[in-house]
């Protein structure tokens, strides 16, 4: 049966064809329960996770489901049918044992990867024919391999296997027998294999088998079904085989999740049936060890909710039952299978391989493939392409519950990276004896029951002893006894005398004494530098100083502490080199040291302190005025420094590893002759270059000076140093009484450090915001009788499971209990840390390797992000630079090249300025002028964008643009500049002065074409400037032009002849300052334009520009809608008027309403106003003249009327007014026409 669920992750370019082979219904003959509906949610969750994490961003995932019905015939059939119609990229499954091998062989032939999430086919051990087969569930055959690793430490060599006749257990027994047999070179031997038929009520078959075992060996593997185990053990008890002489190793043949272990094994369900045989069964199971494969972690409890969400998102329209059934126990491995395929494929493609099965297996072979899946840490074997196994050994405790005593797992994809961990709980044997697990230092377990009796199974190794003949006399015996006793006494006496002599010699050994000349101090600036060179670049070890690392949370207190530490600290930590070794030096204020026997004994004891979690004592300089203590140097600083360093990701593993290291070091000190630390705080827990935490500054009372007071140090520093001190010591300190160190006081200090680690802040971070350190210490030291204990507030806890949080809180509160006897011993603290530690690591060294890799990846991401930000800023800088200088010029200057001046044969220059700008500036504030110019030139800049022009500069109200440089463009430059001029003029006509909206802005424009020289001037704020007479001529064209007109030279007009779309009008000859008589021209418009050309625009300007503001100036009223149609350009324009007229030719106006007189009247007024000719007398004369021509049938009639008005006007007949009248007429005609 084939179901195609279509594209599940859409949006990419390529498609991966995923085939999921699974029975749609549970098969009645299969003992394992799995089907499509009970696991499809996990599959959807895996696919959506791949999509959300962008593991395969360039691929879509298309899923096809094939129903195998747990039949090899159907499985192969539907797969071959599918291969006939499409290609397949990967096969997920099939889970049924009978279908795995044929599908795996077929896909290996087709070079297609097969990833199976259920590994119940116990016969598949080698993959000679399954070259592309990968499993995410640990195969059962690995149980034998891991089991032999555990058995090597037991000393057992001879084994018996009892297996139940059952398809599942037959295969497991064969695997176990072959594995043990493969270790015959180290003495392993399977002496006998017994087959146990289906147990009967009488138990005769069981009894016969057990009786045979009595003569064959003592270590018995039971490969039987779990419900039959109790019956076998009861029969063994009846035959007196549960007294400790025999050890039964029950082998569970499936990979068990932690949930299954806790539900079925880690309790008393294996032996309890609530009947009269329960007590016998419990005694019998004292002789049973349980072996099983499992995973270290359990899936997150919320995973199925996420999976259902993914299923509803991706498969809402499928025919799966609703609601979905409870997920089967193997569903979580299906999620890991999908995720594994995506991870391996991504790695393969990154390494330039393909998605084929062989390339994927090669990727696994050459890389360590691992990730955190729903079933915990998933690690794929390089050689076998199977998930690396994890192995549990369980034993029954005194309460009758089984618990894990040994755990084996692989640390990497290599088969040689196998690690074994043991719980601190000893294994209890059936004979009443106990043996500890493997100790932390690697020593073997103390006791295991023998696999053979001392005299052999048949007493063949112990022949009878001959009778003892008493032939000596009593006197002879007495003499021998006296002589032996005397010799023994002399030997013991000599031994004790020699030991005393050796101790005295050791005391006189002054290897600990250091000369001040041997210490070469590292300069302070080098101490604060990089740590890459241990001898020259060493940061200052402030962390190991008990004074410089005074803790406070508020910035005020911290600044005070640092200030006083610099000036009043009695012990300062410096870094020095002593005989080529970098050391930490603590100076003392003691002037001299009294070297007596007690002092030498202390030096000897300190020198003998050797532990990985305790800093090595180097020695003491006892020279007067130079007394100092020399310790091992730890380059990573203190725990206090790590807590304060926000750049360090202080995660759960890091915190628990530091806590465990501190406990191990403190335990060593307590067991040593030193007995107590006495000054335990986070600043005295330092970290070396291998990220191992070590304790320092312990038991140095004899080298410390007399206790300094609060008057000397100041309250803040003095009382802040007491945050880690136990309350029983505080009460004596505050009374100025001697305070003795104790184990309980160290445990209290340990609890405060745990609080710092958990909350990642100072001991009293919240409290110091409202209370001073002195007030806090007084509250802590209150007598017990008050029934109130004041302790730090735990504001933040470990970001982990609720159980971990609760245990951590509880442990901290127990450590700082008020009563000393209520504080837990160190062994209990260490056991608690191991129990709540999800990583099960005794040291942080191994975990730091993975952590450093994570930091490396994080650093690479930061560098990439910073690089991208730098590129963004560079692009912004370049964009700004290219706005100031031409790109070619800017690039040459950036690379340090000198830009040489360059000559251009022909360019066209545009120059414009604002008409009567001086008057406008006098009438405006500076801010208004700035806003005006910014708005105007922003409009100009937008206008020139589409054209091949370069903006040279703006000076005041002048605007200069050129085309034809810096990139030459042939003769196109004149067309570009002419187009720019027309566009700018059109935009100016629509521009409104922000602070004078009633006033029309006017500009003059001048163009000239000719040669120039361009170059960069200056080093500071360089300018790209143009030189040559062409610039001056363009400036003359602008200054001698008229408002709102484009004035061009004869050279420009000649160049425009090759572009006939421009309308050019000869202005005639005129005197140009500095140039003489020149023939100049106007650009009046453009032809064949898709927008209104300049000439046409002038013609309809009055109609399109007039609004209420224009009319109100004259006290007139403008009317509603009107439509103007221009026949010669085919363009329509609409404006607000009730009147309508039409221009049907260049010189004819047809009037459709006699009220046109008012329109013409207003047109004239606007034209006059725009040209600065608003004279009340002139307006009145024009009004009268227009009133005489109510109907205007021809433009020439109106022109004649205007000429008459201008000539007959007797108002202001000055030459200036006459010129203004002529200009007025000219501009008005343009506006009307």
Foldseek 3Di string as FASTA:
>chain_A
DKDWLFWQQDDADAEAEEEEEFAQAAQPPDPADDGCLQFVLLLLLLVVVCNVVVLPVRYIYIYMYQHQSLPLVRRVVVVVVVVVPDDHAEYEDDQRLVNPVVVQLVQVVVLHAYEYLHAQNLVPDDCPRRLLYAYQFFHLLCLLVVVVVVVVQQPAAEEEEEFEPDPSLVSNVVSNQVSQVVVCVVRHDYQYYHYQYDADPVRPSLLVVLVVVLQGWAEYEYSYDLVCPLVSLLSCVVVVNLQQQHAYEYEDRGEDEPVRCVVCAQFQNSQDPPDPCSVVSLLSQLRYKYKHWYFLDAFDPCVSVSSVVSCCVSPVPDPRDPPRDHHGPSSQSSSVRSNQLSNLQSQLVVVVHHSGSNSSLCSLLVDFDWDQGRRGIFTAANPRNYTWIKMFMWHADPVNGIDTAKIWTAPTNYPVRIDMDGAQDWRAGSNGDTWGCQDPVGDGIDDHNYTADPCGSVSVNPDDDDDDDPDDDPVVVVVVVVVVVVVVVVVVVVVVVVVVVVVVVQLPDAQQEDAPVQWAFADQVQQCADPPDVAHRRHFQLLQALQCLQAEQDPVLNVLSNVLCVPQPQWGWTWTAGPNAIKIKIWGPDQFADDDSVNSVVQSQLQPDDDLAAWHFRHWHGHGPGTIGITHDARVHWQLVVLPPPLADLAPLNLLQLLLSVLVQQVSCCPGPVNHFQQDARSQFGAHPLRRTHGDNGDPVSRHDPDDDCVRRPPSSVLSSCLLFALVQLVCVVVVHDRDTHQLRVLSSSLLRLLCSFQSGHFANPVVVPDGSVVLSVQQNPDCVVVDHDGHDSPGGHPDDPVLRVLSVVLSCQSNDNDSVSRDDSVVVSSSSCVSPSVNDSHCSVVVVVVVVVSVVVVVVVVVVVVVVVVVVVVVVLVVVCLQDPNVVVVCVVVPHFDDKDKFFKKKKKKKFWPPVVVVPVVDDPVLLVVQQVVLVVVLVVLLVVAQKHWQDDDRRMTMIMHCPPPGDDLCRLVSVVSSLQSSLVVQQVDARPVHRLARIWMFMFMEMGMWMWHWDDDPSIGIDIDDVRVVVRVQQRVPGDISWYKYFPRSVVSCVVPVQWDKAWPQWDQTVPPGIGTIITTQWGPPDPDQINLSCLQCVLQQPDDPSLQVVVPDDAAAKEKEAEQVRRDIDIHGHPAYWYDPDPKWTDGPDLCVLVVLLSLLVSLLVNLVNPDPQLNVLLVVLSVVPSDDGINVVVLVSLVVSLVPDPPPPDPVNNVSSVVSSVSSSSNND
